[in-house]
Amino acid sequence: VTAWEIYARADLPYAHIQHNHQVIDAVKRGERLKQPERCPAEMFTIIARCWAVSSDDRPSFRELLDAFRK
């Protein structure tokens, strides 16, 4: 989410939701943040992978480091 905030120029994630418990419910239902306008598609793909439900589907720190270096 921090990377999303950087590309969204510090917009508040899930700003349309009023309470934290509602954010949790939305995420459990599969709602994810949209790609910020200024975020390249390659970067958003990496960001979105970090939000995978299964930890096996999330990139490792090594993968993230390699991707960010590119």
N, C-alpha and C. Protein backbone atom coordinates (compact mmCIF):
# COMPACT_ATOMS: atom_id res chain seq x y z
N VAL A 1 0.84 -1.19 0.00
CA VAL A 1 0.00 0.00 0.00
C VAL A 1 0.88 1.25 0.00
N THR A 2 2.02 1.19 0.62
CA THR A 2 2.92 2.35 0.63
C THR A 2 3.36 2.71 -0.79
N ALA A 3 3.70 1.72 -1.59
CA ALA A 3 4.07 1.99 -2.98
C ALA A 3 2.88 2.59 -3.73
N TRP A 4 1.68 2.09 -3.48
CA TRP A 4 0.48 2.65 -4.11
C TRP A 4 0.34 4.12 -3.72
N GLU A 5 0.55 4.43 -2.43
CA GLU A 5 0.43 5.81 -1.96
C GLU A 5 1.43 6.73 -2.64
N ILE A 6 2.64 6.23 -2.89
CA ILE A 6 3.65 7.04 -3.56
C ILE A 6 3.16 7.42 -4.96
N TYR A 7 2.69 6.44 -5.71
CA TYR A 7 2.23 6.71 -7.07
C TYR A 7 0.92 7.49 -7.09
N ALA A 8 0.13 7.37 -6.03
CA ALA A 8 -1.14 8.10 -5.95
C ALA A 8 -0.95 9.48 -5.34
N ARG A 9 0.31 9.85 -5.16
CA ARG A 9 0.66 11.16 -4.59
C ARG A 9 0.00 11.39 -3.23
N ALA A 10 0.17 10.40 -2.38
CA ALA A 10 -0.28 10.45 -0.99
C ALA A 10 -1.80 10.47 -0.83
N ASP A 11 -2.52 10.01 -1.85
CA ASP A 11 -3.97 9.86 -1.67
C ASP A 11 -4.22 8.85 -0.55
N LEU A 12 -5.33 8.99 0.10
CA LEU A 12 -5.71 8.07 1.16
C LEU A 12 -6.27 6.79 0.54
N PRO A 13 -5.66 5.64 0.83
CA PRO A 13 -6.20 4.39 0.29
C PRO A 13 -7.59 4.12 0.84
N TYR A 14 -8.46 3.64 -0.01
CA TYR A 14 -9.84 3.32 0.37
C TYR A 14 -10.54 4.54 0.98
N ALA A 15 -10.28 5.70 0.41
CA ALA A 15 -10.85 6.95 0.93
C ALA A 15 -12.37 6.97 0.90
N HIS A 16 -12.96 6.17 0.04
CA HIS A 16 -14.42 6.12 -0.07
C HIS A 16 -15.06 5.32 1.07
N ILE A 17 -14.23 4.69 1.90
CA ILE A 17 -14.72 3.89 3.03
C ILE A 17 -14.44 4.65 4.32
N GLN A 18 -15.44 4.72 5.19
CA GLN A 18 -15.34 5.57 6.37
C GLN A 18 -14.60 4.94 7.55
N HIS A 19 -14.76 3.65 7.78
CA HIS A 19 -14.22 3.03 9.00
C HIS A 19 -13.25 1.90 8.67
N ASN A 20 -12.25 1.74 9.51
CA ASN A 20 -11.22 0.72 9.28
C ASN A 20 -11.82 -0.67 9.15
N HIS A 21 -12.80 -1.00 9.98
CA HIS A 21 -13.37 -2.35 9.89
C HIS A 21 -14.06 -2.57 8.55
N GLN A 22 -14.55 -1.50 7.93
CA GLN A 22 -15.16 -1.62 6.61
C GLN A 22 -14.09 -1.86 5.54
N VAL A 23 -12.91 -1.30 5.73
CA VAL A 23 -11.80 -1.56 4.81
C VAL A 23 -11.43 -3.04 4.89
N ILE A 24 -11.33 -3.56 6.09
CA ILE A 24 -11.00 -4.97 6.28
C ILE A 24 -12.02 -5.85 5.57
N ASP A 25 -13.29 -5.54 5.75
CA ASP A 25 -14.35 -6.32 5.10
C ASP A 25 -14.24 -6.23 3.58
N ALA A 26 -13.95 -5.05 3.06
CA ALA A 26 -13.82 -4.86 1.61
C ALA A 26 -12.66 -5.68 1.06
N VAL A 27 -11.54 -5.66 1.75
CA VAL A 27 -10.37 -6.42 1.31
C VAL A 27 -10.67 -7.92 1.36
N LYS A 28 -11.35 -8.37 2.40
CA LYS A 28 -11.74 -9.79 2.49
C LYS A 28 -12.66 -10.20 1.35
N ARG A 29 -13.46 -9.26 0.87
CA ARG A 29 -14.36 -9.53 -0.26
C ARG A 29 -13.62 -9.48 -1.61
N GLY A 30 -12.34 -9.11 -1.56
CA GLY A 30 -11.55 -9.08 -2.77
C GLY A 30 -11.36 -7.70 -3.37
N GLU A 31 -11.88 -6.66 -2.72
CA GLU A 31 -11.70 -5.31 -3.25
C GLU A 31 -10.24 -4.90 -3.09
N ARG A 32 -9.67 -4.38 -4.16
CA ARG A 32 -8.29 -3.91 -4.13
C ARG A 32 -8.24 -2.49 -4.68
N LEU A 33 -7.17 -1.81 -4.36
CA LEU A 33 -6.97 -0.45 -4.84
C LEU A 33 -6.77 -0.46 -6.36
N LYS A 34 -7.24 0.56 -7.00
CA LYS A 34 -7.10 0.72 -8.45
C LYS A 34 -5.70 1.25 -8.77
N GLN A 35 -5.29 1.04 -10.01
CA GLN A 35 -4.00 1.53 -10.46
C GLN A 35 -4.00 3.05 -10.50
N PRO A 36 -3.08 3.70 -9.78
CA PRO A 36 -3.00 5.16 -9.85
C PRO A 36 -2.65 5.61 -11.27
N GLU A 37 -3.12 6.76 -11.63
CA GLU A 37 -2.94 7.30 -12.97
C GLU A 37 -1.47 7.35 -13.38
N ARG A 38 -0.60 7.70 -12.48
CA ARG A 38 0.82 7.89 -12.80
C ARG A 38 1.66 6.64 -12.56
N CYS A 39 1.03 5.55 -12.25
CA CYS A 39 1.77 4.32 -11.95
C CYS A 39 1.90 3.48 -13.22
N PRO A 40 3.13 3.18 -13.62
CA PRO A 40 3.32 2.33 -14.80
C PRO A 40 2.70 0.95 -14.59
N ALA A 41 2.20 0.38 -15.65
CA ALA A 41 1.53 -0.93 -15.57
C ALA A 41 2.44 -2.00 -14.96
N GLU A 42 3.73 -2.01 -15.36
CA GLU A 42 4.66 -3.00 -14.80
C GLU A 42 4.77 -2.87 -13.29
N MET A 43 4.82 -1.65 -12.81
CA MET A 43 4.93 -1.43 -11.37
C MET A 43 3.64 -1.84 -10.66
N PHE A 44 2.50 -1.51 -11.26
CA PHE A 44 1.25 -1.86 -10.61
C PHE A 44 1.07 -3.38 -10.55
N THR A 45 1.56 -4.08 -11.55
CA THR A 45 1.49 -5.54 -11.52
C THR A 45 2.24 -6.07 -10.30
N ILE A 46 3.40 -5.50 -10.03
CA ILE A 46 4.19 -5.90 -8.86
C ILE A 46 3.44 -5.55 -7.58
N ILE A 47 2.93 -4.33 -7.51
CA ILE A 47 2.19 -3.89 -6.32
C ILE A 47 1.00 -4.82 -6.07
N ALA A 48 0.24 -5.10 -7.12
CA ALA A 48 -0.95 -5.92 -6.97
C ALA A 48 -0.61 -7.35 -6.54
N ARG A 49 0.53 -7.85 -6.99
CA ARG A 49 0.94 -9.19 -6.56
C ARG A 49 1.17 -9.25 -5.05
N CYS A 50 1.56 -8.14 -4.46
CA CYS A 50 1.79 -8.08 -3.01
C CYS A 50 0.49 -8.24 -2.23
N TRP A 51 -0.63 -8.04 -2.89
CA TRP A 51 -1.94 -8.14 -2.24
C TRP A 51 -2.61 -9.49 -2.43
N ALA A 52 -1.88 -10.47 -2.97
CA ALA A 52 -2.44 -11.79 -3.19
C ALA A 52 -2.89 -12.40 -1.86
N VAL A 53 -3.97 -13.12 -1.90
CA VAL A 53 -4.50 -13.75 -0.68
C VAL A 53 -3.52 -14.76 -0.13
N SER A 54 -2.99 -15.60 -0.99
CA SER A 54 -2.05 -16.63 -0.56
C SER A 54 -0.63 -16.05 -0.53
N SER A 55 0.06 -16.27 0.56
CA SER A 55 1.43 -15.77 0.66
C SER A 55 2.34 -16.41 -0.38
N ASP A 56 2.00 -17.60 -0.85
CA ASP A 56 2.78 -18.26 -1.89
C ASP A 56 2.73 -17.50 -3.22
N ASP A 57 1.68 -16.71 -3.40
CA ASP A 57 1.50 -15.96 -4.64
C ASP A 57 2.10 -14.56 -4.58
N ARG A 58 2.59 -14.16 -3.41
CA ARG A 58 3.19 -12.84 -3.25
C ARG A 58 4.67 -12.90 -3.58
N PRO A 59 5.22 -11.82 -4.13
CA PRO A 59 6.66 -11.83 -4.44
C PRO A 59 7.50 -11.83 -3.17
N SER A 60 8.66 -12.45 -3.28
CA SER A 60 9.60 -12.43 -2.15
C SER A 60 10.27 -11.05 -2.11
N PHE A 61 10.94 -10.77 -1.02
CA PHE A 61 11.67 -9.50 -0.93
C PHE A 61 12.76 -9.45 -2.00
N ARG A 62 13.34 -10.57 -2.31
CA ARG A 62 14.37 -10.63 -3.35
C ARG A 62 13.76 -10.24 -4.70
N GLU A 63 12.59 -10.81 -5.01
CA GLU A 63 11.91 -10.47 -6.27
C GLU A 63 11.57 -8.97 -6.31
N LEU A 64 11.10 -8.45 -5.19
CA LEU A 64 10.77 -7.02 -5.13
C LEU A 64 12.01 -6.16 -5.34
N LEU A 65 13.09 -6.52 -4.70
CA LEU A 65 14.33 -5.78 -4.84
C LEU A 65 14.79 -5.78 -6.30
N ASP A 66 14.77 -6.94 -6.93
CA ASP A 66 15.16 -7.03 -8.34
C ASP A 66 14.25 -6.18 -9.22
N ALA A 67 12.95 -6.24 -8.97
CA ALA A 67 11.99 -5.48 -9.77
C ALA A 67 12.17 -3.98 -9.59
N PHE A 68 12.38 -3.55 -8.37
CA PHE A 68 12.55 -2.12 -8.11
C PHE A 68 13.86 -1.58 -8.68
N ARG A 69 14.86 -2.43 -8.75
CA ARG A 69 16.14 -2.01 -9.33
C ARG A 69 16.01 -1.76 -10.83
N LYS A 70 15.10 -2.45 -11.47
CA LYS A 70 14.88 -2.25 -12.91
C LYS A 70 14.27 -0.90 -13.13
